[in-house]
N, C-alpha and C. Protein backbone atom coordinates (compact mmCIF):
# COMPACT_ATOMS: atom_id res chain seq x y z
N MET A 1 0.81 -1.07 0.19
CA MET A 1 0.01 0.03 -0.12
C MET A 1 0.89 1.27 -0.12
N PRO A 2 1.55 1.69 -1.00
CA PRO A 2 2.62 2.58 -1.36
C PRO A 2 1.51 3.97 -0.87
N GLU A 3 2.33 4.70 -0.21
CA GLU A 3 2.13 6.09 0.33
C GLU A 3 2.29 7.26 -1.12
N VAL A 4 1.39 8.19 -1.37
CA VAL A 4 1.66 8.70 -2.33
C VAL A 4 2.06 9.97 -1.93
N ILE A 5 2.75 10.98 -2.94
CA ILE A 5 2.26 12.72 -2.57
C ILE A 5 2.03 12.92 -3.90
N PHE A 6 1.08 14.12 -4.30
CA PHE A 6 0.49 14.50 -5.50
C PHE A 6 0.76 15.90 -5.54
N ASN A 7 0.79 16.84 -6.21
CA ASN A 7 0.28 17.92 -6.30
C ASN A 7 -1.57 18.07 -6.37
N GLY A 8 -1.65 18.94 -5.58
CA GLY A 8 -3.56 19.78 -5.48
C GLY A 8 -3.13 21.17 -5.93
N PRO A 9 -4.31 21.96 -6.03
CA PRO A 9 -4.52 22.88 -6.28
C PRO A 9 -3.85 24.20 -4.71
N ALA A 10 -4.08 23.40 -3.42
CA ALA A 10 -3.51 23.96 -2.61
C ALA A 10 -2.04 23.73 -2.20
N GLY A 11 -1.71 22.86 -3.03
CA GLY A 11 -0.11 22.49 -2.11
C GLY A 11 -0.09 20.97 -2.15
N ARG A 12 0.63 20.40 -1.59
CA ARG A 12 0.69 18.50 -2.09
C ARG A 12 -0.50 17.91 -1.14
N LEU A 13 -1.05 17.02 -1.71
CA LEU A 13 -1.61 16.14 -1.19
C LEU A 13 -1.01 14.43 -0.98
N GLU A 14 -1.75 14.26 0.23
CA GLU A 14 -1.05 12.94 0.57
C GLU A 14 -2.27 11.77 0.56
N GLY A 15 -1.48 10.38 -0.38
CA GLY A 15 -2.53 9.68 -0.34
C GLY A 15 -2.15 8.17 -0.09
N ARG A 16 -2.95 7.15 -0.47
CA ARG A 16 -2.47 5.62 -0.38
C ARG A 16 -3.24 5.12 -1.89
N TYR A 17 -2.23 4.79 -2.59
CA TYR A 17 -2.62 3.96 -3.89
C TYR A 17 -1.94 2.72 -4.06
N HIS A 18 -3.09 1.95 -4.58
CA HIS A 18 -2.96 0.59 -4.35
C HIS A 18 -3.23 0.41 -6.22
N PRO A 19 -2.00 -0.34 -6.68
CA PRO A 19 -1.64 -0.32 -8.17
C PRO A 19 -2.36 -1.59 -8.64
N ALA A 20 -3.23 -1.66 -9.62
CA ALA A 20 -3.89 -3.20 -10.21
C ALA A 20 -2.70 -3.91 -11.08
N LYS A 21 -2.91 -5.02 -10.89
CA LYS A 21 -1.82 -5.84 -11.96
C LYS A 21 -2.13 -5.49 -13.14
N GLN A 22 -3.28 -5.75 -13.95
CA GLN A 22 -4.00 -5.44 -14.87
C GLN A 22 -3.28 -3.81 -15.91
N LYS A 23 -3.19 -3.60 -16.84
CA LYS A 23 -2.93 -2.62 -17.28
C LYS A 23 -4.13 -1.76 -17.51
N ASN A 24 -5.01 -2.40 -17.87
CA ASN A 24 -6.31 -1.49 -18.43
C ASN A 24 -7.29 -1.54 -16.98
N ALA A 25 -6.83 -2.00 -15.98
CA ALA A 25 -7.64 -2.05 -15.08
C ALA A 25 -8.67 -0.58 -14.52
N PRO A 26 -9.73 -0.97 -14.36
CA PRO A 26 -10.55 0.67 -13.48
C PRO A 26 -9.86 1.27 -12.73
N ILE A 27 -10.25 2.58 -12.44
CA ILE A 27 -9.70 3.31 -11.02
C ILE A 27 -10.93 3.40 -10.45
N ALA A 28 -10.71 3.37 -8.95
CA ALA A 28 -11.65 4.04 -7.94
C ALA A 28 -10.86 5.02 -7.22
N MET A 29 -11.53 5.72 -6.56
CA MET A 29 -11.26 7.06 -5.71
C MET A 29 -12.24 6.97 -4.46
N ILE A 30 -11.59 6.86 -3.04
CA ILE A 30 -12.20 6.60 -1.98
C ILE A 30 -12.09 8.46 -1.63
N LEU A 31 -13.20 9.15 -1.10
CA LEU A 31 -13.39 10.28 -0.67
C LEU A 31 -13.86 10.21 0.88
N HIS A 32 -12.81 10.96 2.20
CA HIS A 32 -13.40 10.78 3.28
C HIS A 32 -14.22 11.78 3.82
N PRO A 33 -14.73 11.43 5.19
CA PRO A 33 -15.97 12.07 5.67
C PRO A 33 -15.27 13.85 6.17
N HIS A 34 -15.99 14.89 7.21
CA HIS A 34 -16.05 16.22 6.92
C HIS A 34 -14.44 16.56 7.93
N PRO A 35 -13.65 17.02 7.16
CA PRO A 35 -12.37 17.30 8.02
C PRO A 35 -12.35 17.92 9.25
N GLN A 36 -13.33 18.71 9.26
CA GLN A 36 -13.42 19.29 10.46
C GLN A 36 -13.94 18.23 11.50
N PHE A 37 -14.53 17.32 11.28
CA PHE A 37 -14.81 16.29 12.32
C PHE A 37 -14.24 14.65 12.43
N HIS A 38 -13.09 15.13 12.19
CA HIS A 38 -12.11 13.71 12.21
C HIS A 38 -11.87 13.20 11.11
N GLY A 39 -12.75 13.84 9.82
CA GLY A 39 -12.38 12.58 8.67
C GLY A 39 -11.31 12.87 8.17
N THR A 40 -10.59 11.42 8.06
CA THR A 40 -9.60 11.20 7.01
C THR A 40 -9.56 10.18 6.34
N MET A 41 -8.34 10.06 5.65
CA MET A 41 -8.39 8.93 4.41
C MET A 41 -8.24 7.56 5.09
N ASN A 42 -7.81 7.60 6.80
CA ASN A 42 -7.87 6.01 7.25
C ASN A 42 -9.04 6.03 8.19
N HIS A 43 -9.72 6.91 8.11
CA HIS A 43 -11.57 6.36 8.50
C HIS A 43 -11.87 5.05 8.20
N GLN A 44 -12.39 4.28 9.15
CA GLN A 44 -12.80 2.37 8.87
C GLN A 44 -13.27 2.65 7.62
N ILE A 45 -14.36 3.62 7.63
CA ILE A 45 -15.46 2.65 6.36
C ILE A 45 -14.52 3.20 4.55
N VAL A 46 -13.65 4.22 4.42
CA VAL A 46 -12.64 4.74 3.60
C VAL A 46 -11.88 3.56 3.62
N TYR A 47 -11.36 3.19 4.68
CA TYR A 47 -10.19 2.33 4.54
C TYR A 47 -10.95 0.77 3.95
N GLN A 48 -12.07 0.12 4.22
CA GLN A 48 -12.92 -0.84 4.22
C GLN A 48 -13.02 -0.55 2.54
N CYS A 49 -13.71 0.43 2.12
CA CYS A 49 -14.26 0.60 0.84
C CYS A 49 -12.95 0.62 -0.06
N TYR A 50 -11.92 1.27 0.19
CA TYR A 50 -10.82 0.97 -0.61
C TYR A 50 -10.02 -0.63 -0.81
N TYR A 51 -10.09 -1.02 0.04
CA TYR A 51 -9.90 -2.74 -0.08
C TYR A 51 -10.84 -3.55 -0.88
N ALA A 52 -12.30 -3.38 -0.58
CA ALA A 52 -13.49 -3.69 -1.48
C ALA A 52 -12.80 -3.57 -3.14
N PHE A 53 -12.39 -2.55 -3.30
CA PHE A 53 -12.34 -2.09 -5.08
C PHE A 53 -11.00 -2.87 -5.05
N ALA A 54 -9.97 -2.78 -4.21
CA ALA A 54 -8.71 -3.41 -4.63
C ALA A 54 -8.67 -4.97 -4.89
N HIS A 55 -9.63 -5.87 -4.19
CA HIS A 55 -9.83 -6.73 -4.27
C HIS A 55 -10.44 -7.10 -5.14
N ARG A 56 -10.95 -6.60 -6.18
CA ARG A 56 -11.89 -6.52 -7.17
C ARG A 56 -11.10 -6.04 -8.29
N GLY A 57 -9.88 -5.97 -8.13
CA GLY A 57 -8.91 -5.69 -9.30
C GLY A 57 -8.89 -4.20 -9.66
N PHE A 58 -9.50 -3.33 -8.95
CA PHE A 58 -9.35 -1.65 -9.57
C PHE A 58 -8.02 -1.59 -8.92
N SER A 59 -7.19 -0.36 -9.61
CA SER A 59 -6.27 0.47 -8.97
C SER A 59 -6.94 1.43 -8.21
N VAL A 60 -6.68 1.46 -6.93
CA VAL A 60 -7.71 2.48 -6.17
C VAL A 60 -6.82 3.67 -5.10
N LEU A 61 -7.33 5.01 -5.12
CA LEU A 61 -6.23 5.78 -4.32
C LEU A 61 -7.39 6.26 -3.61
N ARG A 62 -6.99 6.97 -1.99
CA ARG A 62 -7.66 7.25 -1.30
C ARG A 62 -6.76 8.40 -0.51
N PHE A 63 -6.93 9.80 -0.18
CA PHE A 63 -6.20 10.89 0.16
C PHE A 63 -6.80 11.68 0.93
N ASN A 64 -5.81 12.46 1.73
CA ASN A 64 -6.57 13.54 2.61
C ASN A 64 -6.74 14.67 1.99
N PHE A 65 -7.75 15.26 2.08
CA PHE A 65 -8.34 16.73 1.76
C PHE A 65 -7.20 17.25 2.15
N ARG A 66 -7.28 18.84 1.68
CA ARG A 66 -6.32 20.14 1.91
C ARG A 66 -6.50 20.14 3.77
N GLY A 67 -5.38 20.34 4.08
CA GLY A 67 -5.44 20.75 5.33
C GLY A 67 -5.60 19.33 6.23
N VAL A 68 -5.57 18.20 6.25
CA VAL A 68 -5.85 17.33 6.82
C VAL A 68 -4.67 15.97 6.64
N GLY A 69 -4.09 15.64 7.66
CA GLY A 69 -2.81 14.72 8.01
C GLY A 69 -1.39 15.67 7.29
N ARG A 70 -1.14 14.97 6.40
CA ARG A 70 0.19 15.87 5.80
C ARG A 70 -0.06 16.56 4.39
N SER A 71 -1.34 16.57 4.08
CA SER A 71 -2.08 17.47 2.96
C SER A 71 -2.13 18.97 3.42
N GLN A 72 -0.99 19.61 2.33
CA GLN A 72 -0.88 20.65 2.77
C GLN A 72 -2.37 22.03 2.24
N GLY A 73 -2.41 23.04 3.03
CA GLY A 73 -3.84 23.54 2.34
C GLY A 73 -4.50 24.02 3.83
N SER A 74 -5.38 24.44 4.06
CA SER A 74 -6.54 24.59 4.68
C SER A 74 -8.05 24.23 4.17
N PHE A 75 -8.78 24.10 5.12
CA PHE A 75 -10.47 23.55 4.95
C PHE A 75 -11.25 24.75 4.20
N ASP A 76 -11.65 24.31 2.91
CA ASP A 76 -12.58 25.33 1.95
C ASP A 76 -13.74 25.09 2.05
N HIS A 77 -14.50 24.91 2.68
CA HIS A 77 -16.19 24.47 2.85
C HIS A 77 -16.45 23.83 1.22
N GLY A 78 -15.62 22.97 0.99
CA GLY A 78 -16.09 21.93 -0.16
C GLY A 78 -15.82 22.55 -1.55
N THR A 79 -15.46 23.40 -1.47
CA THR A 79 -15.22 23.83 -3.03
C THR A 79 -13.55 23.73 -3.18
N GLY A 80 -12.83 23.87 -2.40
CA GLY A 80 -11.45 23.45 -2.54
C GLY A 80 -11.52 21.97 -2.31
N GLU A 81 -11.98 21.70 -1.67
CA GLU A 81 -12.08 19.83 -1.55
C GLU A 81 -12.59 19.41 -2.70
N LEU A 82 -13.46 19.79 -3.83
CA LEU A 82 -13.85 19.40 -5.06
C LEU A 82 -12.72 19.44 -5.86
N SER A 83 -11.95 20.63 -5.85
CA SER A 83 -10.61 20.82 -6.61
C SER A 83 -9.61 19.55 -6.43
N ASP A 84 -9.51 19.40 -5.03
CA ASP A 84 -8.80 18.35 -4.87
C ASP A 84 -8.97 17.03 -5.15
N ALA A 85 -10.42 16.77 -5.30
CA ALA A 85 -10.64 15.39 -5.59
C ALA A 85 -10.13 15.40 -6.87
N ALA A 86 -10.53 16.47 -7.94
CA ALA A 86 -10.37 16.46 -9.60
C ALA A 86 -8.87 16.00 -9.74
N SER A 87 -7.99 16.97 -8.67
CA SER A 87 -6.53 16.81 -9.10
C SER A 87 -6.31 14.97 -8.84
N ALA A 88 -6.93 14.75 -7.42
CA ALA A 88 -6.56 13.19 -7.49
C ALA A 88 -7.06 12.34 -8.54
N LEU A 89 -8.15 12.71 -9.03
CA LEU A 89 -8.49 11.51 -10.40
C LEU A 89 -7.65 12.09 -11.29
N ASP A 90 -7.07 13.07 -11.96
CA ASP A 90 -6.22 13.64 -12.52
C ASP A 90 -5.10 12.77 -12.74
N TRP A 91 -4.28 12.77 -10.99
CA TRP A 91 -3.16 12.19 -11.02
C TRP A 91 -3.38 10.44 -11.33
N ALA A 92 -4.46 9.88 -10.67
CA ALA A 92 -4.60 8.82 -10.58
C ALA A 92 -4.69 8.11 -12.26
N GLN A 93 -5.32 8.85 -13.02
CA GLN A 93 -5.48 8.78 -14.67
C GLN A 93 -4.16 8.78 -15.21
N THR A 94 -3.50 9.55 -14.77
CA THR A 94 -2.21 10.01 -15.67
C THR A 94 -1.22 8.71 -15.04
N ILE A 95 -1.54 7.68 -13.77
CA ILE A 95 -0.45 7.03 -13.50
C ILE A 95 -1.33 5.69 -14.24
N ASN A 96 -2.87 5.68 -14.53
CA ASN A 96 -3.08 4.66 -15.57
C ASN A 96 -3.78 5.36 -16.31
N PRO A 97 -3.10 5.52 -17.79
CA PRO A 97 -3.51 6.03 -18.84
C PRO A 97 -4.60 5.03 -19.78
N GLU A 98 -4.55 3.90 -19.65
CA GLU A 98 -4.93 2.79 -20.13
C GLU A 98 -6.48 2.07 -19.46
N ALA A 99 -6.55 2.87 -18.21
CA ALA A 99 -7.93 2.61 -17.25
C ALA A 99 -9.21 2.86 -18.34
N ARG A 100 -10.16 1.68 -18.36
CA ARG A 100 -11.46 1.75 -18.78
C ARG A 100 -12.65 1.85 -18.69
N ALA A 101 -12.33 2.19 -17.29
CA ALA A 101 -13.25 3.06 -16.47
C ALA A 101 -13.06 3.68 -15.11
N CYS A 102 -13.84 4.47 -14.44
CA CYS A 102 -13.72 5.03 -13.29
C CYS A 102 -14.80 4.92 -12.36
N TRP A 103 -14.80 4.51 -11.20
CA TRP A 103 -15.96 5.23 -10.11
C TRP A 103 -15.43 5.80 -8.99
N VAL A 104 -16.41 6.13 -8.26
CA VAL A 104 -16.21 7.34 -7.06
C VAL A 104 -16.82 7.02 -6.25
N ALA A 105 -16.37 6.77 -4.75
CA ALA A 105 -16.77 6.14 -3.31
C ALA A 105 -16.79 7.72 -2.48
N GLY A 106 -17.56 7.77 -1.70
CA GLY A 106 -17.55 8.71 -0.90
C GLY A 106 -18.62 8.38 0.56
N PHE A 107 -17.81 9.18 1.49
CA PHE A 107 -18.93 9.10 2.97
C PHE A 107 -18.93 10.16 3.30
N SER A 108 -20.45 10.21 3.44
CA SER A 108 -20.42 12.02 4.19
C SER A 108 -20.46 13.09 3.61
N PHE A 109 -19.59 13.46 3.89
CA PHE A 109 -19.11 14.81 2.81
C PHE A 109 -18.38 14.65 2.13
N GLY A 110 -17.76 13.35 2.34
CA GLY A 110 -16.98 12.76 0.87
C GLY A 110 -17.90 12.43 -0.27
N ALA A 111 -19.18 11.84 0.09
CA ALA A 111 -20.26 11.80 -0.57
C ALA A 111 -20.51 12.85 -1.45
N TRP A 112 -20.84 13.88 -0.78
CA TRP A 112 -21.39 15.18 -1.61
C TRP A 112 -20.19 15.46 -2.48
N ILE A 113 -18.97 15.50 -2.40
CA ILE A 113 -17.77 16.04 -2.86
C ILE A 113 -18.07 14.79 -4.01
N GLY A 114 -18.09 13.47 -4.01
CA GLY A 114 -18.35 12.56 -4.94
C GLY A 114 -19.20 12.72 -5.99
N MET A 115 -20.24 13.28 -5.39
CA MET A 115 -21.28 13.54 -6.29
C MET A 115 -21.10 14.72 -7.35
N GLN A 116 -20.50 15.65 -6.68
CA GLN A 116 -20.11 16.80 -7.59
C GLN A 116 -19.35 16.71 -8.55
N LEU A 117 -18.38 15.93 -8.26
CA LEU A 117 -17.11 15.43 -9.30
C LEU A 117 -17.36 14.64 -10.43
N LEU A 118 -18.52 13.59 -9.99
CA LEU A 118 -19.37 12.80 -10.85
C LEU A 118 -20.11 13.83 -12.23
N MET A 119 -20.41 14.90 -11.78
CA MET A 119 -21.11 15.81 -12.66
C MET A 119 -19.96 16.29 -13.98
N ARG A 120 -18.99 16.25 -13.53
CA ARG A 120 -17.68 17.24 -13.96
C ARG A 120 -17.20 16.22 -14.94
N ARG A 121 -16.89 15.19 -14.38
CA ARG A 121 -16.14 13.77 -15.06
C ARG A 121 -17.21 13.19 -15.65
N PRO A 122 -17.29 13.22 -17.10
CA PRO A 122 -18.00 11.91 -17.74
C PRO A 122 -17.57 10.57 -17.78
N GLU A 123 -16.25 10.68 -17.82
CA GLU A 123 -15.69 9.07 -17.24
C GLU A 123 -15.91 8.12 -16.49
N VAL A 124 -16.87 8.82 -15.12
CA VAL A 124 -17.19 8.28 -13.84
C VAL A 124 -18.51 7.60 -14.25
N GLU A 125 -18.15 5.90 -13.91
CA GLU A 125 -19.27 5.33 -14.73
C GLU A 125 -20.32 5.04 -13.49
N GLY A 126 -19.47 4.90 -12.34
CA GLY A 126 -20.43 4.34 -11.09
C GLY A 126 -19.94 5.03 -9.75
N PHE A 127 -21.28 5.17 -8.88
CA PHE A 127 -20.62 5.58 -7.54
C PHE A 127 -21.37 5.17 -6.57
N ILE A 128 -20.34 5.14 -5.45
CA ILE A 128 -21.01 4.65 -4.02
C ILE A 128 -21.14 6.10 -3.17
N SER A 129 -22.31 6.21 -2.92
CA SER A 129 -22.80 7.42 -2.00
C SER A 129 -23.16 6.93 -0.51
N ILE A 130 -22.41 6.80 0.40
CA ILE A 130 -22.49 6.51 1.76
C ILE A 130 -22.83 7.62 2.62
N ALA A 131 -24.47 7.59 3.24
CA ALA A 131 -25.04 8.52 4.17
C ALA A 131 -24.77 10.21 3.64
N PRO A 132 -24.75 10.06 2.19
CA PRO A 132 -24.92 11.34 1.42
C PRO A 132 -25.88 12.53 2.21
N PRO A 133 -24.93 13.68 2.79
CA PRO A 133 -25.85 14.34 3.68
C PRO A 133 -26.97 15.60 2.91
N ALA A 134 -27.93 14.68 2.50
CA ALA A 134 -28.59 15.60 1.85
C ALA A 134 -29.58 16.71 2.07
N ASN A 135 -29.57 16.77 4.00
CA ASN A 135 -30.23 17.80 4.54
C ASN A 135 -29.09 19.15 4.56
N LEU A 136 -27.66 18.67 4.70
CA LEU A 136 -26.90 19.52 5.08
C LEU A 136 -26.14 20.28 3.97
N TYR A 137 -26.07 20.13 2.65
CA TYR A 137 -25.56 20.21 1.27
C TYR A 137 -27.08 20.18 0.23
N ASP A 138 -26.41 21.36 -0.74
CA ASP A 138 -27.71 21.53 -1.77
C ASP A 138 -26.92 20.03 -3.00
N PHE A 139 -27.64 19.49 -3.30
CA PHE A 139 -27.53 17.97 -4.24
C PHE A 139 -28.35 18.39 -5.60
N SER A 140 -28.79 19.85 -5.61
CA SER A 140 -29.58 20.18 -6.58
C SER A 140 -28.70 20.16 -7.97
N PHE A 141 -27.53 20.10 -7.92
CA PHE A 141 -26.72 20.00 -8.83
C PHE A 141 -27.10 18.81 -9.83
N LEU A 142 -27.22 17.60 -9.34
CA LEU A 142 -27.30 16.56 -9.92
C LEU A 142 -28.85 16.60 -10.79
N ALA A 143 -28.36 17.48 -11.94
CA ALA A 143 -29.57 17.69 -12.99
C ALA A 143 -28.86 17.45 -14.45
N PRO A 144 -28.88 16.20 -15.08
CA PRO A 144 -29.71 15.03 -14.23
C PRO A 144 -28.12 14.58 -13.47
N CYS A 145 -28.29 13.51 -13.17
CA CYS A 145 -27.40 12.32 -12.48
C CYS A 145 -26.87 11.82 -13.82
N PRO A 146 -25.55 11.68 -13.98
CA PRO A 146 -24.98 11.26 -15.25
C PRO A 146 -24.61 9.19 -15.03
N SER A 147 -24.51 8.93 -13.90
CA SER A 147 -24.23 7.87 -13.72
C SER A 147 -25.34 6.96 -12.87
N SER A 148 -25.27 5.73 -12.91
CA SER A 148 -26.01 4.95 -12.14
C SER A 148 -25.20 4.47 -11.23
N GLY A 149 -25.51 4.32 -9.42
CA GLY A 149 -25.05 4.00 -8.34
C GLY A 149 -25.60 3.62 -7.13
N LEU A 150 -25.50 3.60 -6.21
CA LEU A 150 -25.54 3.12 -4.98
C LEU A 150 -25.70 4.15 -3.97
N ILE A 151 -26.87 4.36 -3.21
CA ILE A 151 -26.72 5.11 -2.47
C ILE A 151 -27.53 4.75 -1.12
N VAL A 152 -26.47 4.58 -0.21
CA VAL A 152 -26.79 3.62 1.48
C VAL A 152 -26.45 4.57 2.44
N HIS A 153 -27.84 4.17 3.19
CA HIS A 153 -27.44 5.04 4.53
C HIS A 153 -28.35 4.21 5.93
N GLY A 154 -28.10 4.64 6.83
CA GLY A 154 -28.70 4.01 7.99
C GLY A 154 -30.14 4.30 8.19
N GLU A 155 -30.64 3.43 8.75
CA GLU A 155 -31.93 3.74 9.32
C GLU A 155 -32.41 4.38 10.26
N LYS A 156 -31.37 4.68 11.36
CA LYS A 156 -31.09 5.82 12.71
C LYS A 156 -30.68 6.57 12.50
N ASP A 157 -29.90 7.09 11.16
CA ASP A 157 -29.36 8.18 11.10
C ASP A 157 -30.05 9.22 11.69
N ALA A 158 -29.18 9.83 13.04
CA ALA A 158 -29.94 11.58 13.30
C ALA A 158 -28.99 12.50 12.57
N VAL A 159 -28.17 12.55 11.99
CA VAL A 159 -27.38 13.56 11.22
C VAL A 159 -28.03 13.72 10.00
N VAL A 160 -28.19 12.79 9.25
CA VAL A 160 -29.01 12.96 7.73
C VAL A 160 -30.14 12.37 8.11
N PRO A 161 -31.32 12.78 8.49
CA PRO A 161 -32.37 11.46 8.69
C PRO A 161 -32.89 11.13 7.28
N PRO A 162 -33.09 9.86 7.58
CA PRO A 162 -33.34 9.17 6.05
C PRO A 162 -34.56 9.74 5.30
N LYS A 163 -35.79 10.39 5.93
CA LYS A 163 -36.32 10.87 4.74
C LYS A 163 -35.79 12.18 3.66
N ASP A 164 -34.98 13.06 4.01
CA ASP A 164 -33.97 13.69 3.20
C ASP A 164 -33.10 12.81 1.95
N VAL A 165 -32.85 11.35 2.38
CA VAL A 165 -31.82 11.01 1.51
C VAL A 165 -33.21 10.40 0.78
N ASN A 166 -34.07 9.87 1.44
CA ASN A 166 -35.29 9.39 0.60
C ASN A 166 -35.91 10.59 -0.94
N THR A 167 -35.91 11.76 -0.42
CA THR A 167 -36.20 13.13 -1.34
C THR A 167 -35.35 13.19 -2.27
N LEU A 168 -33.85 12.83 -2.03
CA LEU A 168 -33.16 13.05 -3.17
C LEU A 168 -33.07 11.51 -3.86
N VAL A 169 -33.02 10.24 -3.22
CA VAL A 169 -33.19 9.20 -4.12
C VAL A 169 -34.46 9.52 -5.15
N GLU A 170 -35.59 9.84 -4.65
CA GLU A 170 -36.79 9.79 -5.47
C GLU A 170 -36.85 11.07 -6.66
N LYS A 171 -35.90 11.60 -6.43
CA LYS A 171 -35.59 12.69 -7.61
C LYS A 171 -34.91 12.21 -8.43
N LEU A 172 -33.51 11.45 -8.14
CA LEU A 172 -32.86 11.06 -9.24
C LEU A 172 -33.51 9.94 -9.67
N LYS A 173 -34.48 8.96 -9.12
CA LYS A 173 -35.17 8.02 -10.12
C LYS A 173 -35.83 8.33 -10.86
N THR A 174 -36.30 9.40 -11.12
CA THR A 174 -37.21 10.09 -12.36
C THR A 174 -36.38 10.25 -13.40
N GLN A 175 -35.32 9.99 -13.18
CA GLN A 175 -34.38 10.00 -14.45
C GLN A 175 -34.10 9.13 -15.37
N LYS A 176 -34.26 9.09 -16.45
CA LYS A 176 -34.17 8.06 -17.87
C LYS A 176 -32.53 7.70 -17.65
N GLY A 177 -32.36 6.34 -18.05
CA GLY A 177 -30.89 5.95 -18.41
C GLY A 177 -30.16 5.71 -17.71
N ILE A 178 -30.62 5.84 -15.97
CA ILE A 178 -29.36 5.37 -15.05
C ILE A 178 -30.47 4.86 -14.15
N VAL A 179 -29.67 4.16 -13.39
CA VAL A 179 -30.55 3.01 -12.04
C VAL A 179 -30.07 3.88 -10.56
N ILE A 180 -30.38 3.96 -9.89
CA ILE A 180 -30.07 4.04 -8.34
C ILE A 180 -30.72 3.46 -7.79
N ASP A 181 -29.81 2.54 -7.16
CA ASP A 181 -30.01 1.35 -6.13
C ASP A 181 -29.72 2.39 -4.61
N GLN A 182 -31.26 2.06 -4.00
CA GLN A 182 -30.88 2.75 -2.71
C GLN A 182 -31.06 1.45 -1.56
N GLN A 183 -30.36 1.63 -0.50
CA GLN A 183 -30.25 0.57 0.55
C GLN A 183 -30.14 1.07 1.79
N VAL A 184 -30.83 0.67 2.56
CA VAL A 184 -30.97 1.33 4.22
C VAL A 184 -30.30 -0.15 5.13
N ILE A 185 -29.60 0.86 5.57
CA ILE A 185 -28.91 -0.63 6.83
C ILE A 185 -29.87 -0.50 8.14
N PRO A 186 -30.60 -1.34 8.40
CA PRO A 186 -31.34 -1.41 9.65
C PRO A 186 -30.64 -1.24 10.98
N GLY A 187 -31.23 -0.30 11.63
CA GLY A 187 -30.55 0.22 13.01
C GLY A 187 -29.53 0.88 12.88
N ALA A 188 -28.87 1.35 11.83
CA ALA A 188 -27.70 1.91 11.46
C ALA A 188 -27.41 3.02 12.00
N ASN A 189 -26.49 3.89 12.49
CA ASN A 189 -26.66 5.70 12.83
C ASN A 189 -25.83 6.25 11.66
N HIS A 190 -25.62 7.49 11.56
CA HIS A 190 -24.73 7.91 10.57
C HIS A 190 -23.25 7.33 10.38
N PHE A 191 -22.84 6.65 11.52
CA PHE A 191 -21.57 6.40 11.39
C PHE A 191 -21.38 5.03 11.37
N PHE A 192 -22.36 4.15 11.68
CA PHE A 192 -22.83 2.72 11.03
C PHE A 192 -21.56 2.08 12.18
N ASP A 193 -21.90 2.74 13.37
CA ASP A 193 -21.74 2.14 14.67
C ASP A 193 -22.06 1.09 14.73
N GLY A 194 -21.10 -0.28 15.00
CA GLY A 194 -21.55 -1.73 15.12
C GLY A 194 -22.40 -2.32 13.64
N LYS A 195 -22.41 -1.56 12.62
CA LYS A 195 -23.28 -1.98 11.68
C LYS A 195 -22.02 -1.84 10.52
N LEU A 196 -20.62 -1.85 10.93
CA LEU A 196 -19.77 -1.62 9.37
C LEU A 196 -20.05 -3.05 8.71
N GLU A 197 -20.29 -4.13 9.08
CA GLU A 197 -20.41 -5.53 8.28
C GLU A 197 -21.71 -5.45 7.42
N PRO A 198 -22.61 -5.28 7.97
CA PRO A 198 -23.96 -4.92 7.03
C PRO A 198 -23.84 -4.20 5.75
N LEU A 199 -22.72 -3.04 6.07
CA LEU A 199 -22.68 -1.89 5.29
C LEU A 199 -22.01 -2.56 4.28
N MET A 200 -20.39 -3.31 4.52
CA MET A 200 -19.95 -3.48 3.76
C MET A 200 -20.21 -4.52 3.13
N GLU A 201 -21.25 -5.46 3.50
CA GLU A 201 -22.00 -6.49 2.81
C GLU A 201 -22.79 -5.85 1.33
N THR A 202 -23.30 -4.81 1.74
CA THR A 202 -24.42 -4.34 0.75
C THR A 202 -23.62 -3.48 -0.01
N ILE A 203 -22.16 -2.84 0.14
CA ILE A 203 -21.34 -1.98 -0.84
C ILE A 203 -20.78 -3.19 -2.00
N THR A 204 -19.98 -4.31 -1.37
CA THR A 204 -19.75 -5.37 -1.97
C THR A 204 -20.47 -5.97 -2.99
N ALA A 205 -21.86 -6.28 -2.78
CA ALA A 205 -22.85 -7.03 -3.12
C ALA A 205 -23.37 -6.35 -4.43
N TYR A 206 -23.07 -4.82 -4.11
CA TYR A 206 -23.56 -3.98 -5.01
C TYR A 206 -22.40 -3.95 -6.43
N LEU A 207 -21.26 -3.78 -5.75
CA LEU A 207 -19.96 -4.16 -6.56
C LEU A 207 -20.04 -5.24 -7.46
N ASP A 208 -20.08 -6.55 -6.85
CA ASP A 208 -19.94 -7.63 -7.56
C ASP A 208 -21.34 -7.72 -8.65
N MET A 209 -22.72 -6.95 -8.46
CA MET A 209 -23.29 -7.15 -9.66
C MET A 209 -23.27 -6.28 -10.57
N ARG A 210 -22.49 -5.10 -10.40
CA ARG A 210 -22.45 -3.89 -11.32
C ARG A 210 -21.21 -4.90 -12.36
N LEU A 211 -20.00 -5.33 -11.55
CA LEU A 211 -18.84 -5.76 -12.36
C LEU A 211 -19.23 -7.00 -13.11
N ALA A 212 -20.21 -7.76 -12.79
CA ALA A 212 -20.65 -9.04 -13.64
C ALA A 212 -21.20 -8.69 -14.87
N ASN A 213 -21.71 -7.46 -14.72
CA ASN A 213 -22.58 -7.27 -16.01
C ASN A 213 -21.55 -6.61 -16.74
N VAL A 214 -20.57 -6.08 -16.77
CA VAL A 214 -19.35 -5.25 -17.18
C VAL A 214 -18.86 -6.45 -18.45
N ARG A 215 -18.33 -7.84 -17.32
CA ARG A 215 -17.56 -8.42 -18.05
C ARG A 215 -18.35 -9.50 -18.98
């Protein structure tokens, strides 16, 4: 699991990168939760998603947004973090010029950034959005949402009430040409405390289903 440093818009960004064995392997990028609430690339959910993609033959990158860990810069309320994510994807694509596809996964704040990146990068063909904070941030930019993906959240989420995620999903489901898969983890709070296993089972089952359709 090599440590990597690459240039971002506000200075160097620190990451971990898993290169796939196949040259044309797809790329996946995992985005961490809110930097001001202990969000880092080593968060357990980010870490588990990173390995879920790695075990399925992806080249995978996770990194710290500006001002987190050894990444330079300071918190920028989402604008700068979106630029960081775009730079990180640029870096991953430079290393993998033959990559045939790209996926983005994010948790909470990272899900919001990931969905914005999706709108700007047509090569992203799949997403995993974990507990997207639909009540805290504006998701109206998803018009239309360009890719199919999984939105997974906790039944007992007190930070992002399930009704707000349901409203977002219902809006996205009216769009033609994409399929939004919504899964609710019973009894799970926003952080999936004690529910990491069912969360990861849901994510890996979705990934396996999507990848089976590609091959």
